[in-house]
Amino acid sequence: MTKKRTISVLAILAAAAFVLALAARPALAQDGDCDGVPDVTDNCPAKFNPAQGDIDQDGLGDRCDPDKDGDLVANDADNCPRVSNADQAESDGDGVGDACDECADTEAGGIVNGRGCTIDQLCPCDGPEPDLAWKKHNRYVRCVKKKAIKFARKKLITKDDAKQLIRDARDTTCGKPKPGPGDNDGDGVPDEVDNCPSDPNPSQKNTDGDQFGNACDSDKDNDGILNPDDNCKVVDNVDQTDTDGDGVGDACDTCPDTEQGALVNRHGCSIDQQCPCEVDDEGQPWKNHGKYVRCVVDVVKDLRHKHLIDREQGKLIKDAAKASECGEREVPCN
């Protein structure tokens, strides 16, 4: 069994265990949408909305309000559904009203998100901010990939279009170093003092203080164990002790005593350890069920970003968190 396949199987088992643990809790009434707000005071009793957002303050929550901003233009027809703009003024012709358009002067025909921005405007080749270049090419590619996937999920573009945009981004030179005389890798550090002259590393980070920077060091912490096999890649731990068996060495494990078989992040922390059912990260009881759910959602995003779980596994975990009673106070959820 390959390493990738092994990780996938373990991720499935870990996700299933999390789901089963939460599913064991009994269901109760009085909060039909499970958002931690009693039905009698919930501004959208049939829609999950723990934040109880109500832009126009009409008593009807945004999740179930046909006119969120109260400008008398229905959401489906409103070019700024969250910003009151009865005149519906729209200068650049991208379908997003001037009152909420964050990217003015969009080129004609450009596909935009709800903020009026194209992927090119969100991920400009020159850099993420004016006068700030991309540090690495893969950061530019990552930006395009993230936005393309979002556009596809919202059905602004097709999945095939998204894949092509990502391929095109990889083929560009956006964010790539521009080598020059005396700077072979184009990272702005002269070759004679560059600790990785062939690998761009403008920060010159060097964990173990040897002659090689982390960008080109096969053993970043100089403990005699190569990075791929080291359970603490940037912390010297020759013995590789891993007491709780989670794959992260004791020397860099910030969550000891992880339950056997639990899926962990690079710091050795499981979902339950990052979002315990009883209390929040400050050791205080959750303010409501929604706070707990948001914690789990954030952890799932991180695990997916690190390719430790896939989309379906993440959905199972999030659904289990929503169906749980974690964070429930006086009024339980059914």
C-alpha atoms as a PDB file:
ATOM      1  CA  MET A   1       0.000   0.000   0.000  1.00  0.00           C
ATOM      2  CA  THR A   2       1.426   3.374  -1.002  1.00  0.00           C
ATOM      3  CA  LYS A   3       1.993   6.156   1.525  1.00  0.00           C
ATOM      4  CA  LYS A   4      -0.658   8.313  -0.181  1.00  0.00           C
ATOM      5  CA  ARG A   5      -3.173   5.458  -0.096  1.00  0.00           C
ATOM      6  CA  THR A   6      -2.374   4.773   3.569  1.00  0.00           C
ATOM      7  CA  ILE A   7      -2.959   8.425   4.488  1.00  0.00           C
ATOM      8  CA  SER A   8      -6.274   8.385   2.597  1.00  0.00           C
ATOM      9  CA  VAL A   9      -7.510   5.265   4.414  1.00  0.00           C
ATOM     10  CA  LEU A  10      -6.487   6.685   7.797  1.00  0.00           C
ATOM     11  CA  ALA A  11      -8.212   9.967   6.981  1.00  0.00           C
ATOM     12  CA  ILE A  12     -11.448   8.130   6.123  1.00  0.00           C
ATOM     13  CA  LEU A  13     -11.319   6.128   9.358  1.00  0.00           C
ATOM     14  CA  ALA A  14     -10.539   9.225  11.428  1.00  0.00           C
ATOM     15  CA  ALA A  15     -13.368  11.197   9.827  1.00  0.00           C
ATOM     16  CA  ALA A  16     -15.777   8.315  10.407  1.00  0.00           C
ATOM     17  CA  ALA A  17     -14.753   8.075  14.065  1.00  0.00           C
ATOM     18  CA  PHE A  18     -15.416  11.801  14.586  1.00  0.00           C
ATOM     19  CA  VAL A  19     -18.832  11.486  12.952  1.00  0.00           C
ATOM     20  CA  LEU A  20     -19.839   8.451  15.038  1.00  0.00           C
ATOM     21  CA  ALA A  21     -18.705  10.069  18.287  1.00  0.00           C
ATOM     22  CA  LEU A  22     -20.919  13.110  17.748  1.00  0.00           C
ATOM     23  CA  ALA A  23     -23.833  11.107  16.354  1.00  0.00           C
ATOM     24  CA  ALA A  24     -24.163   9.253  19.659  1.00  0.00           C
ATOM     25  CA  ARG A  25     -25.709  12.321  21.321  1.00  0.00           C
ATOM     26  CA  PRO A  26     -29.512  12.311  21.719  1.00  0.00           C
ATOM     27  CA  ALA A  27     -31.620  14.766  19.735  1.00  0.00           C
ATOM     28  CA  LEU A  28     -33.894  17.249  21.480  1.00  0.00           C
ATOM     29  CA  ALA A  29     -36.396  19.881  20.403  1.00  0.00           C
ATOM     30  CA  GLN A  30     -36.816  23.677  20.675  1.00  0.00           C
ATOM     31  CA  ASP A  31     -34.154  24.661  18.123  1.00  0.00           C
ATOM     32  CA  GLY A  32     -35.308  23.334  14.780  1.00  0.00           C
ATOM     33  CA  ASP A  33     -32.378  24.615  12.703  1.00  0.00           C
ATOM     34  CA  CYS A  34     -29.669  23.682  15.251  1.00  0.00           C
ATOM     35  CA  ASP A  35     -28.029  27.117  15.265  1.00  0.00           C
ATOM     36  CA  GLY A  36     -28.024  27.556  19.037  1.00  0.00           C
ATOM     37  CA  VAL A  37     -30.802  30.171  18.985  1.00  0.00           C
ATOM     38  CA  PRO A  38     -34.216  29.168  20.418  1.00  0.00           C
ATOM     39  CA  ASP A  39     -36.976  29.053  17.810  1.00  0.00           C
ATOM     40  CA  VAL A  40     -39.003  31.635  19.725  1.00  0.00           C
ATOM     41  CA  THR A  41     -36.267  34.271  19.337  1.00  0.00           C
ATOM     42  CA  ASP A  42     -34.628  33.048  16.100  1.00  0.00           C
ATOM     43  CA  ASN A  43     -35.026  35.557  13.245  1.00  0.00           C
ATOM     44  CA  CYS A  44     -34.838  32.621  10.819  1.00  0.00           C
ATOM     45  CA  PRO A  45     -36.189  29.626  12.767  1.00  0.00           C
ATOM     46  CA  ALA A  46     -35.954  27.298   9.777  1.00  0.00           C
ATOM     47  CA  LYS A  47     -32.485  28.415   8.596  1.00  0.00           C
ATOM     48  CA  PHE A  48     -29.139  27.794  10.322  1.00  0.00           C
ATOM     49  CA  ASN A  49     -27.928  31.314  11.219  1.00  0.00           C
ATOM     50  CA  PRO A  50     -26.196  31.469  14.617  1.00  0.00           C
ATOM     51  CA  ALA A  51     -24.943  35.011  13.917  1.00  0.00           C
ATOM     52  CA  GLN A  52     -28.557  36.227  13.450  1.00  0.00           C
ATOM     53  CA  GLY A  53     -27.414  38.723  10.809  1.00  0.00           C
ATOM     54  CA  ASP A  54     -30.087  41.244   9.828  1.00  0.00           C
ATOM     55  CA  ILE A  55     -28.675  43.950   7.549  1.00  0.00           C
ATOM     56  CA  ASP A  56     -31.834  46.008   7.226  1.00  0.00           C
ATOM     57  CA  GLN A  57     -32.898  45.455  10.855  1.00  0.00           C
ATOM     58  CA  ASP A  58     -36.421  44.425   9.848  1.00  0.00           C
ATOM     59  CA  GLY A  59     -36.588  41.482  12.241  1.00  0.00           C
ATOM     60  CA  LEU A  60     -36.204  38.950   9.436  1.00  0.00           C
ATOM     61  CA  GLY A  61     -32.730  37.400   9.332  1.00  0.00           C
ATOM     62  CA  ASP A  62     -30.602  37.697   6.197  1.00  0.00           C
ATOM     63  CA  ARG A  63     -30.691  33.944   5.613  1.00  0.00           C
ATOM     64  CA  CYS A  64     -34.442  34.041   5.013  1.00  0.00           C
ATOM     65  CA  ASP A  65     -35.084  37.673   3.989  1.00  0.00           C
ATOM     66  CA  PRO A  66     -36.107  38.078   0.297  1.00  0.00           C
ATOM     67  CA  ASP A  67     -34.800  41.679   0.424  1.00  0.00           C
ATOM     68  CA  LYS A  68     -31.786  41.675   2.764  1.00  0.00           C
ATOM     69  CA  ASP A  69     -30.863  45.329   2.385  1.00  0.00           C
ATOM     70  CA  GLY A  70     -34.400  46.714   2.462  1.00  0.00           C
ATOM     71  CA  ASP A  71     -34.047  48.769  -0.740  1.00  0.00           C
ATOM     72  CA  LEU A  72     -37.273  47.327  -2.198  1.00  0.00           C
ATOM     73  CA  VAL A  73     -35.336  45.378  -4.828  1.00  0.00           C
ATOM     74  CA  ALA A  74     -35.601  41.603  -4.326  1.00  0.00           C
ATOM     75  CA  ASN A  75     -32.297  39.793  -3.722  1.00  0.00           C
ATOM     76  CA  ASP A  76     -32.478  37.867  -7.009  1.00  0.00           C
ATOM     77  CA  ALA A  77     -32.853  41.100  -9.002  1.00  0.00           C
ATOM     78  CA  ASP A  78     -30.646  43.305  -6.801  1.00  0.00           C
ATOM     79  CA  ASN A  79     -27.148  44.088  -8.137  1.00  0.00           C
ATOM     80  CA  CYS A  80     -26.099  44.764  -4.528  1.00  0.00           C
ATOM     81  CA  PRO A  81     -28.249  42.402  -2.425  1.00  0.00           C
ATOM     82  CA  ARG A  82     -26.425  43.314   0.806  1.00  0.00           C
ATOM     83  CA  VAL A  83     -26.060  47.070   0.235  1.00  0.00           C
ATOM     84  CA  SER A  84     -29.056  49.379  -0.123  1.00  0.00           C
ATOM     85  CA  ASN A  85     -28.997  50.936  -3.612  1.00  0.00           C
ATOM     86  CA  ALA A  86     -32.461  51.622  -4.930  1.00  0.00           C
ATOM     87  CA  ASP A  87     -31.057  53.325  -8.057  1.00  0.00           C
ATOM     88  CA  GLN A  88     -29.094  50.151  -9.030  1.00  0.00           C
ATOM     89  CA  ALA A  89     -26.341  52.313 -10.611  1.00  0.00           C
ATOM     90  CA  GLU A  90     -23.716  50.163 -12.336  1.00  0.00           C
ATOM     91  CA  SER A  91     -20.905  51.878 -14.282  1.00  0.00           C
ATOM     92  CA  ASP A  92     -18.583  49.161 -15.624  1.00  0.00           C
ATOM     93  CA  GLY A  93     -21.289  46.798 -16.888  1.00  0.00           C
ATOM     94  CA  ASP A  94     -20.185  43.757 -14.901  1.00  0.00           C
ATOM     95  CA  GLY A  95     -23.562  43.205 -13.245  1.00  0.00           C
ATOM     96  CA  VAL A  96     -22.456  44.375  -9.805  1.00  0.00           C
ATOM     97  CA  GLY A  97     -23.745  47.741  -8.611  1.00  0.00           C
ATOM     98  CA  ASP A  98     -21.370  50.615  -7.932  1.00  0.00           C
ATOM     99  CA  ALA A  99     -22.404  50.647  -4.271  1.00  0.00           C
ATOM    100  CA  CYS A 100     -20.790  47.246  -3.667  1.00  0.00           C
ATOM    101  CA  ASP A 101     -18.326  46.901  -6.571  1.00  0.00           C
ATOM    102  CA  GLU A 102     -14.833  46.482  -5.099  1.00  0.00           C
ATOM    103  CA  CYS A 103     -13.135  46.254  -8.496  1.00  0.00           C
ATOM    104  CA  ALA A 104     -14.050  49.251 -10.624  1.00  0.00           C
ATOM    105  CA  ASP A 105     -13.345  49.426 -14.356  1.00  0.00           C
ATOM    106  CA  THR A 106     -13.677  45.685 -14.967  1.00  0.00           C
ATOM    107  CA  GLU A 107     -13.018  44.854 -18.618  1.00  0.00           C
ATOM    108  CA  ALA A 108     -16.132  44.248 -20.683  1.00  0.00           C
ATOM    109  CA  GLY A 109     -17.171  40.603 -20.681  1.00  0.00           C
ATOM    110  CA  GLY A 110     -15.168  39.707 -17.588  1.00  0.00           C
ATOM    111  CA  ILE A 111     -16.685  37.078 -15.289  1.00  0.00           C
ATOM    112  CA  VAL A 112     -16.973  38.528 -11.795  1.00  0.00           C
ATOM    113  CA  ASN A 113     -17.894  37.382  -8.310  1.00  0.00           C
ATOM    114  CA  GLY A 114     -20.430  39.063  -6.040  1.00  0.00           C
ATOM    115  CA  ARG A 115     -17.930  41.837  -5.299  1.00  0.00           C
ATOM    116  CA  GLY A 116     -17.495  42.714  -8.966  1.00  0.00           C
ATOM    117  CA  CYS A 117     -14.002  41.236  -9.306  1.00  0.00           C
ATOM    118  CA  THR A 118     -12.571  38.926 -11.956  1.00  0.00           C
ATOM    119  CA  ILE A 119      -9.951  36.301 -11.120  1.00  0.00           C
ATOM    120  CA  ASP A 120      -7.341  38.484 -12.850  1.00  0.00           C
ATOM    121  CA  GLN A 121      -8.288  41.375 -10.583  1.00  0.00           C
ATOM    122  CA  LEU A 122      -8.181  39.173  -7.483  1.00  0.00           C
ATOM    123  CA  CYS A 123      -4.865  37.581  -8.486  1.00  0.00           C
ATOM    124  CA  PRO A 124      -2.971  40.143 -10.591  1.00  0.00           C
ATOM    125  CA  CYS A 125       0.244  38.873 -12.138  1.00  0.00           C
ATOM    126  CA  ASP A 126       2.297  41.757 -10.728  1.00  0.00           C
ATOM    127  CA  GLY A 127       1.479  40.930  -7.110  1.00  0.00           C
ATOM    128  CA  PRO A 128      -1.238  40.598  -4.460  1.00  0.00           C
ATOM    129  CA  GLU A 129      -1.088  44.298  -3.580  1.00  0.00           C
ATOM    130  CA  PRO A 130       0.059  47.462  -5.383  1.00  0.00           C
ATOM    131  CA  ASP A 131       3.857  47.717  -5.184  1.00  0.00           C
ATOM    132  CA  LEU A 132       4.036  44.218  -3.649  1.00  0.00           C
ATOM    133  CA  ALA A 133       5.210  41.363  -5.870  1.00  0.00           C
ATOM    134  CA  TRP A 134       4.431  37.678  -5.345  1.00  0.00           C
ATOM    135  CA  LYS A 135       7.142  36.072  -3.205  1.00  0.00           C
ATOM    136  CA  LYS A 136       6.888  32.824  -5.154  1.00  0.00           C
ATOM    137  CA  HIS A 137       5.284  31.587  -8.356  1.00  0.00           C
ATOM    138  CA  ASN A 138       3.320  28.936  -6.467  1.00  0.00           C
ATOM    139  CA  ARG A 139       1.674  31.621  -4.344  1.00  0.00           C
ATOM    140  CA  TYR A 140       0.291  33.196  -7.492  1.00  0.00           C
ATOM    141  CA  VAL A 141      -0.849  29.775  -8.730  1.00  0.00           C
ATOM    142  CA  ARG A 142      -2.424  29.044  -5.338  1.00  0.00           C
ATOM    143  CA  CYS A 143      -4.357  32.315  -5.509  1.00  0.00           C
ATOM    144  CA  VAL A 144      -5.702  31.531  -8.982  1.00  0.00           C
ATOM    145  CA  LYS A 145      -6.547  27.962  -7.954  1.00  0.00           C
ATOM    146  CA  LYS A 146      -8.443  29.097  -4.864  1.00  0.00           C
ATOM    147  CA  LYS A 147     -10.439  31.716  -6.763  1.00  0.00           C
ATOM    148  CA  ALA A 148     -11.104  29.436  -9.745  1.00  0.00           C
ATOM    149  CA  ILE A 149     -12.488  26.723  -7.465  1.00  0.00           C
ATOM    150  CA  LYS A 150     -14.724  29.274  -5.731  1.00  0.00           C
ATOM    151  CA  PHE A 151     -15.985  30.601  -9.057  1.00  0.00           C
ATOM    152  CA  ALA A 152     -16.747  27.032 -10.180  1.00  0.00           C
ATOM    153  CA  ARG A 153     -18.593  26.183  -6.956  1.00  0.00           C
ATOM    154  CA  LYS A 154     -20.758  29.252  -7.419  1.00  0.00           C
ATOM    155  CA  LYS A 155     -21.325  28.141 -11.022  1.00  0.00           C
ATOM    156  CA  LEU A 156     -19.812  31.336 -12.420  1.00  0.00           C
ATOM    157  CA  ILE A 157     -17.535  29.140 -14.540  1.00  0.00           C
ATOM    158  CA  THR A 158     -17.463  25.412 -15.301  1.00  0.00           C
ATOM    159  CA  LYS A 159     -15.122  22.949 -13.584  1.00  0.00           C
ATOM    160  CA  ASP A 160     -13.284  22.515 -16.883  1.00  0.00           C
ATOM    161  CA  ASP A 161     -12.835  26.284 -17.134  1.00  0.00           C
ATOM    162  CA  ALA A 162     -11.405  26.317 -13.611  1.00  0.00           C
ATOM    163  CA  LYS A 163      -8.942  23.535 -14.428  1.00  0.00           C
ATOM    164  CA  GLN A 164      -7.800  25.393 -17.536  1.00  0.00           C
ATOM    165  CA  LEU A 165      -7.287  28.625 -15.589  1.00  0.00           C
ATOM    166  CA  ILE A 166      -5.112  26.752 -13.092  1.00  0.00           C
ATOM    167  CA  ARG A 167      -3.077  25.162 -15.890  1.00  0.00           C
ATOM    168  CA  ASP A 168      -2.640  28.559 -17.524  1.00  0.00           C
ATOM    169  CA  ALA A 169      -1.495  30.066 -14.213  1.00  0.00           C
ATOM    170  CA  ARG A 170       1.174  27.378 -13.849  1.00  0.00           C
ATOM    171  CA  ASP A 171       2.471  28.220 -17.321  1.00  0.00           C
ATOM    172  CA  THR A 172       2.905  31.916 -16.551  1.00  0.00           C
ATOM    173  CA  THR A 173       5.994  33.622 -15.153  1.00  0.00           C
ATOM    174  CA  CYS A 174       3.941  35.482 -12.522  1.00  0.00           C
ATOM    175  CA  GLY A 175       5.836  35.415  -9.249  1.00  0.00           C
ATOM    176  CA  LYS A 176       8.848  33.655 -10.723  1.00  0.00           C
ATOM    177  CA  PRO A 177      12.261  35.029  -9.823  1.00  0.00           C
ATOM    178  CA  LYS A 178      14.027  37.069 -12.433  1.00  0.00           C
ATOM    179  CA  PRO A 179      17.674  35.994 -12.373  1.00  0.00           C
ATOM    180  CA  GLY A 180      20.257  38.658 -12.969  1.00  0.00           C
ATOM    181  CA  PRO A 181      24.024  39.069 -12.859  1.00  0.00           C
ATOM    182  CA  GLY A 182      25.316  37.766  -9.534  1.00  0.00           C
ATOM    183  CA  ASP A 183      21.884  36.503  -8.440  1.00  0.00           C
ATOM    184  CA  ASN A 184      21.269  33.151 -10.116  1.00  0.00           C
ATOM    185  CA  ASP A 185      17.926  32.431  -8.433  1.00  0.00           C
ATOM    186  CA  GLY A 186      16.599  35.991  -8.601  1.00  0.00           C
ATOM    187  CA  ASP A 187      15.660  36.188  -4.925  1.00  0.00           C
ATOM    188  CA  GLY A 188      17.432  39.486  -4.350  1.00  0.00           C
ATOM    189  CA  VAL A 189      20.304  37.936  -2.392  1.00  0.00           C
ATOM    190  CA  PRO A 190      23.732  37.982  -4.119  1.00  0.00           C
ATOM    191  CA  ASP A 191      25.036  34.498  -4.937  1.00  0.00           C
ATOM    192  CA  GLU A 192      28.203  34.940  -2.859  1.00  0.00           C
ATOM    193  CA  VAL A 193      26.174  35.295   0.360  1.00  0.00           C
ATOM    194  CA  ASP A 194      23.046  33.318  -0.637  1.00  0.00           C
ATOM    195  CA  ASN A 195      22.644  30.155   1.471  1.00  0.00           C
ATOM    196  CA  CYS A 196      20.623  28.634  -1.377  1.00  0.00           C
ATOM    197  CA  PRO A 197      22.028  30.215  -4.557  1.00  0.00           C
ATOM    198  CA  SER A 198      19.927  28.018  -6.856  1.00  0.00           C
ATOM    199  CA  ASP A 199      16.670  28.098  -4.858  1.00  0.00           C
ATOM    200  CA  PRO A 200      14.795  31.371  -4.295  1.00  0.00           C
ATOM    201  CA  ASN A 201      14.684  32.109  -0.545  1.00  0.00           C
ATOM    202  CA  PRO A 202      14.720  35.849   0.112  1.00  0.00           C
ATOM    203  CA  SER A 203      14.224  35.289   3.866  1.00  0.00           C
ATOM    204  CA  GLN A 204      17.400  33.128   4.028  1.00  0.00           C
ATOM    205  CA  LYS A 205      15.752  31.090   6.802  1.00  0.00           C
ATOM    206  CA  ASN A 206      18.180  28.533   8.208  1.00  0.00           C
ATOM    207  CA  THR A 207      16.803  26.590  11.180  1.00  0.00           C
ATOM    208  CA  ASP A 208      19.927  24.602  12.041  1.00  0.00           C
ATOM    209  CA  GLY A 209      22.419  27.381  11.304  1.00  0.00           C
ATOM    210  CA  ASP A 210      24.484  25.322   8.873  1.00  0.00           C
ATOM    211  CA  GLN A 211      25.619  26.481   5.437  1.00  0.00           C
ATOM    212  CA  PHE A 212      22.336  25.551   3.739  1.00  0.00           C
ATOM    213  CA  GLY A 213      19.078  27.503   3.989  1.00  0.00           C
ATOM    214  CA  ASN A 214      15.835  25.622   4.640  1.00  0.00           C
ATOM    215  CA  ALA A 215      14.833  25.964   0.990  1.00  0.00           C
ATOM    216  CA  CYS A 216      17.640  23.633  -0.090  1.00  0.00           C
ATOM    217  CA  ASP A 217      18.531  21.761   3.116  1.00  0.00           C
ATOM    218  CA  SER A 218      17.678  18.042   3.043  1.00  0.00           C
ATOM    219  CA  ASP A 219      17.869  17.976   6.859  1.00  0.00           C
ATOM    220  CA  LYS A 220      16.519  21.305   8.111  1.00  0.00           C
ATOM    221  CA  ASP A 221      17.089  20.638  11.816  1.00  0.00           C
ATOM    222  CA  ASN A 222      20.423  18.814  11.368  1.00  0.00           C
ATOM    223  CA  ASP A 223      19.445  15.845  13.528  1.00  0.00           C
ATOM    224  CA  GLY A 224      20.716  13.306  11.009  1.00  0.00           C
ATOM    225  CA  ILE A 225      17.221  12.388   9.804  1.00  0.00           C
ATOM    226  CA  LEU A 226      16.188  13.545   6.342  1.00  0.00           C
ATOM    227  CA  ASN A 227      13.127  15.793   6.128  1.00  0.00           C
ATOM    228  CA  PRO A 228      10.736  13.234   4.514  1.00  0.00           C
ATOM    229  CA  ASP A 229      11.399  10.749   7.345  1.00  0.00           C
ATOM    230  CA  ASP A 230      11.648  13.253  10.209  1.00  0.00           C
ATOM    231  CA  ASN A 231       8.610  13.501  12.508  1.00  0.00           C
ATOM    232  CA  CYS A 232       9.818  16.967  13.592  1.00  0.00           C
ATOM    233  CA  LYS A 233      11.323  18.536  10.486  1.00  0.00           C
ATOM    234  CA  VAL A 234      12.474  21.795  12.072  1.00  0.00           C
ATOM    235  CA  VAL A 235      13.102  20.604  15.643  1.00  0.00           C
ATOM    236  CA  ASP A 236      16.183  18.519  16.474  1.00  0.00           C
ATOM    237  CA  ASN A 237      14.960  15.130  17.786  1.00  0.00           C
ATOM    238  CA  VAL A 238      17.361  12.313  17.000  1.00  0.00           C
ATOM    239  CA  ASP A 239      15.357   9.761  19.010  1.00  0.00           C
ATOM    240  CA  GLN A 240      12.119  10.527  17.050  1.00  0.00           C
ATOM    241  CA  THR A 241      10.068   9.781  20.179  1.00  0.00           C
ATOM    242  CA  ASP A 242       6.328   9.878  19.498  1.00  0.00           C
ATOM    243  CA  THR A 243       4.529   8.903  22.692  1.00  0.00           C
ATOM    244  CA  ASP A 244       0.942   9.224  21.471  1.00  0.00           C
ATOM    245  CA  GLY A 245       1.687   7.622  18.092  1.00  0.00           C
ATOM    246  CA  ASP A 246       0.092  10.364  16.004  1.00  0.00           C
ATOM    247  CA  GLY A 247       3.042  10.716  13.621  1.00  0.00           C
ATOM    248  CA  VAL A 248       4.262  13.980  15.153  1.00  0.00           C
ATOM    249  CA  GLY A 249       7.301  13.729  17.431  1.00  0.00           C
ATOM    250  CA  ASP A 250       7.071  14.732  21.081  1.00  0.00           C
ATOM    251  CA  ALA A 251       9.609  17.511  20.504  1.00  0.00           C
ATOM    252  CA  CYS A 252       7.155  19.421  18.282  1.00  0.00           C
ATOM    253  CA  ASP A 253       3.786  17.961  19.320  1.00  0.00           C
ATOM    254  CA  THR A 254       1.681  20.747  20.832  1.00  0.00           C
ATOM    255  CA  CYS A 255      -1.204  18.372  21.629  1.00  0.00           C
ATOM    256  CA  PRO A 256       0.108  15.379  23.610  1.00  0.00           C
ATOM    257  CA  ASP A 257      -2.057  12.363  24.443  1.00  0.00           C
ATOM    258  CA  THR A 258      -3.921  12.427  21.136  1.00  0.00           C
ATOM    259  CA  GLU A 259      -6.474   9.631  20.922  1.00  0.00           C
ATOM    260  CA  GLN A 260      -5.198   6.596  19.020  1.00  0.00           C
ATOM    261  CA  GLY A 261      -5.995   6.775  15.308  1.00  0.00           C
ATOM    262  CA  ALA A 262      -7.154  10.399  15.337  1.00  0.00           C
ATOM    263  CA  LEU A 263      -6.300  12.540  12.322  1.00  0.00           C
ATOM    264  CA  VAL A 264      -3.909  15.347  13.274  1.00  0.00           C
ATOM    265  CA  ASN A 265      -2.434  18.471  11.715  1.00  0.00           C
ATOM    266  CA  ARG A 266       1.302  19.152  11.493  1.00  0.00           C
ATOM    267  CA  HIS A 267       1.303  20.287  15.123  1.00  0.00           C
ATOM    268  CA  GLY A 268      -0.071  16.940  16.300  1.00  0.00           C
ATOM    269  CA  CYS A 269      -3.566  18.215  17.143  1.00  0.00           C
ATOM    270  CA  SER A 270      -6.796  16.378  16.301  1.00  0.00           C
ATOM    271  CA  ILE A 271     -10.159  17.982  15.543  1.00  0.00           C
ATOM    272  CA  ASP A 272     -11.408  17.157  19.047  1.00  0.00           C
ATOM    273  CA  GLN A 273      -8.321  18.750  20.593  1.00  0.00           C
ATOM    274  CA  GLN A 274      -8.716  21.930  18.560  1.00  0.00           C
ATOM    275  CA  CYS A 275     -12.492  22.084  19.006  1.00  0.00           C
ATOM    276  CA  PRO A 276     -13.389  20.166  22.175  1.00  0.00           C
ATOM    277  CA  CYS A 277     -17.124  19.694  22.552  1.00  0.00           C
ATOM    278  CA  GLU A 278     -17.277  21.153  26.058  1.00  0.00           C
ATOM    279  CA  VAL A 279     -15.141  24.314  25.879  1.00  0.00           C
ATOM    280  CA  ASP A 280     -13.559  26.726  23.393  1.00  0.00           C
ATOM    281  CA  ASP A 281      -9.839  27.416  22.876  1.00  0.00           C
ATOM    282  CA  GLU A 282      -9.820  29.643  25.961  1.00  0.00           C
ATOM    283  CA  GLY A 283     -11.238  26.939  28.198  1.00  0.00           C
ATOM    284  CA  GLN A 284     -14.621  28.669  28.410  1.00  0.00           C
ATOM    285  CA  PRO A 285     -17.967  27.060  27.519  1.00  0.00           C
ATOM    286  CA  TRP A 286     -18.959  27.712  23.895  1.00  0.00           C
ATOM    287  CA  LYS A 287     -21.234  30.758  23.596  1.00  0.00           C
ATOM    288  CA  ASN A 288     -23.512  28.763  21.337  1.00  0.00           C
ATOM    289  CA  HIS A 289     -23.622  25.765  19.028  1.00  0.00           C
ATOM    290  CA  GLY A 290     -22.749  27.904  16.018  1.00  0.00           C
ATOM    291  CA  LYS A 291     -19.406  28.909  17.563  1.00  0.00           C
ATOM    292  CA  TYR A 292     -18.473  25.245  17.938  1.00  0.00           C
ATOM    293  CA  VAL A 293     -19.526  24.470  14.368  1.00  0.00           C
ATOM    294  CA  ARG A 294     -17.481  27.384  13.009  1.00  0.00           C
ATOM    295  CA  CYS A 295     -14.428  26.089  14.877  1.00  0.00           C
ATOM    296  CA  VAL A 296     -14.806  22.660  13.250  1.00  0.00           C
ATOM    297  CA  VAL A 297     -15.379  24.245   9.826  1.00  0.00           C
ATOM    298  CA  ASP A 298     -12.132  26.241  10.172  1.00  0.00           C
ATOM    299  CA  VAL A 299     -10.184  23.119  11.180  1.00  0.00           C
ATOM    300  CA  VAL A 300     -11.628  21.196   8.230  1.00  0.00           C
ATOM    301  CA  LYS A 301     -10.518  23.980   5.877  1.00  0.00           C
ATOM    302  CA  ASP A 302      -6.981  23.715   7.233  1.00  0.00           C
ATOM    303  CA  LEU A 303      -6.931  19.914   6.901  1.00  0.00           C
ATOM    304  CA  ARG A 304      -8.203  20.147   3.329  1.00  0.00           C
ATOM    305  CA  HIS A 305      -5.663  22.832   2.479  1.00  0.00           C
ATOM    306  CA  LYS A 306      -2.911  20.490   3.705  1.00  0.00           C
ATOM    307  CA  HIS A 307      -4.476  17.627   1.678  1.00  0.00           C
ATOM    308  CA  LEU A 308      -5.008  15.525   4.807  1.00  0.00           C
ATOM    309  CA  ILE A 309      -8.684  14.951   3.986  1.00  0.00           C
ATOM    310  CA  ASP A 310     -10.768  15.302   0.850  1.00  0.00           C
ATOM    311  CA  ARG A 311     -13.971  17.243   0.252  1.00  0.00           C
ATOM    312  CA  GLU A 312     -16.347  14.374   1.103  1.00  0.00           C
ATOM    313  CA  GLN A 313     -14.549  13.564   4.347  1.00  0.00           C
ATOM    314  CA  GLY A 314     -14.663  17.224   5.283  1.00  0.00           C
ATOM    315  CA  LYS A 315     -18.403  17.344   4.579  1.00  0.00           C
ATOM    316  CA  LEU A 316     -19.012  14.328   6.835  1.00  0.00           C
ATOM    317  CA  ILE A 317     -17.114  15.991   9.676  1.00  0.00           C
ATOM    318  CA  LYS A 318     -18.938  19.326   9.272  1.00  0.00           C
ATOM    319  CA  ASP A 319     -22.355  17.653   9.070  1.00  0.00           C
ATOM    320  CA  ALA A 320     -21.616  15.702  12.248  1.00  0.00           C
ATOM    321  CA  ALA A 321     -20.615  18.898  14.042  1.00  0.00           C
ATOM    322  CA  LYS A 322     -23.848  20.615  12.966  1.00  0.00           C
ATOM    323  CA  ALA A 323     -25.929  17.653  14.149  1.00  0.00           C
ATOM    324  CA  SER A 324     -24.185  17.516  17.531  1.00  0.00           C
ATOM    325  CA  GLU A 325     -25.183  19.319  20.719  1.00  0.00           C
ATOM    326  CA  CYS A 326     -21.709  20.729  21.336  1.00  0.00           C
ATOM    327  CA  GLY A 327     -22.034  24.328  22.435  1.00  0.00           C
ATOM    328  CA  GLU A 328     -25.702  23.982  23.339  1.00  0.00           C
ATOM    329  CA  ARG A 329     -26.549  25.960  26.446  1.00  0.00           C
ATOM    330  CA  GLU A 330     -30.043  26.198  27.874  1.00  0.00           C
ATOM    331  CA  VAL A 331     -31.936  25.398  24.703  1.00  0.00           C
ATOM    332  CA  PRO A 332     -31.005  22.116  22.964  1.00  0.00           C
ATOM    333  CA  CYS A 333     -31.060  21.415  19.226  1.00  0.00           C
ATOM    334  CA  ASN A 334     -33.060  18.780  17.414  1.00  0.00           C
END
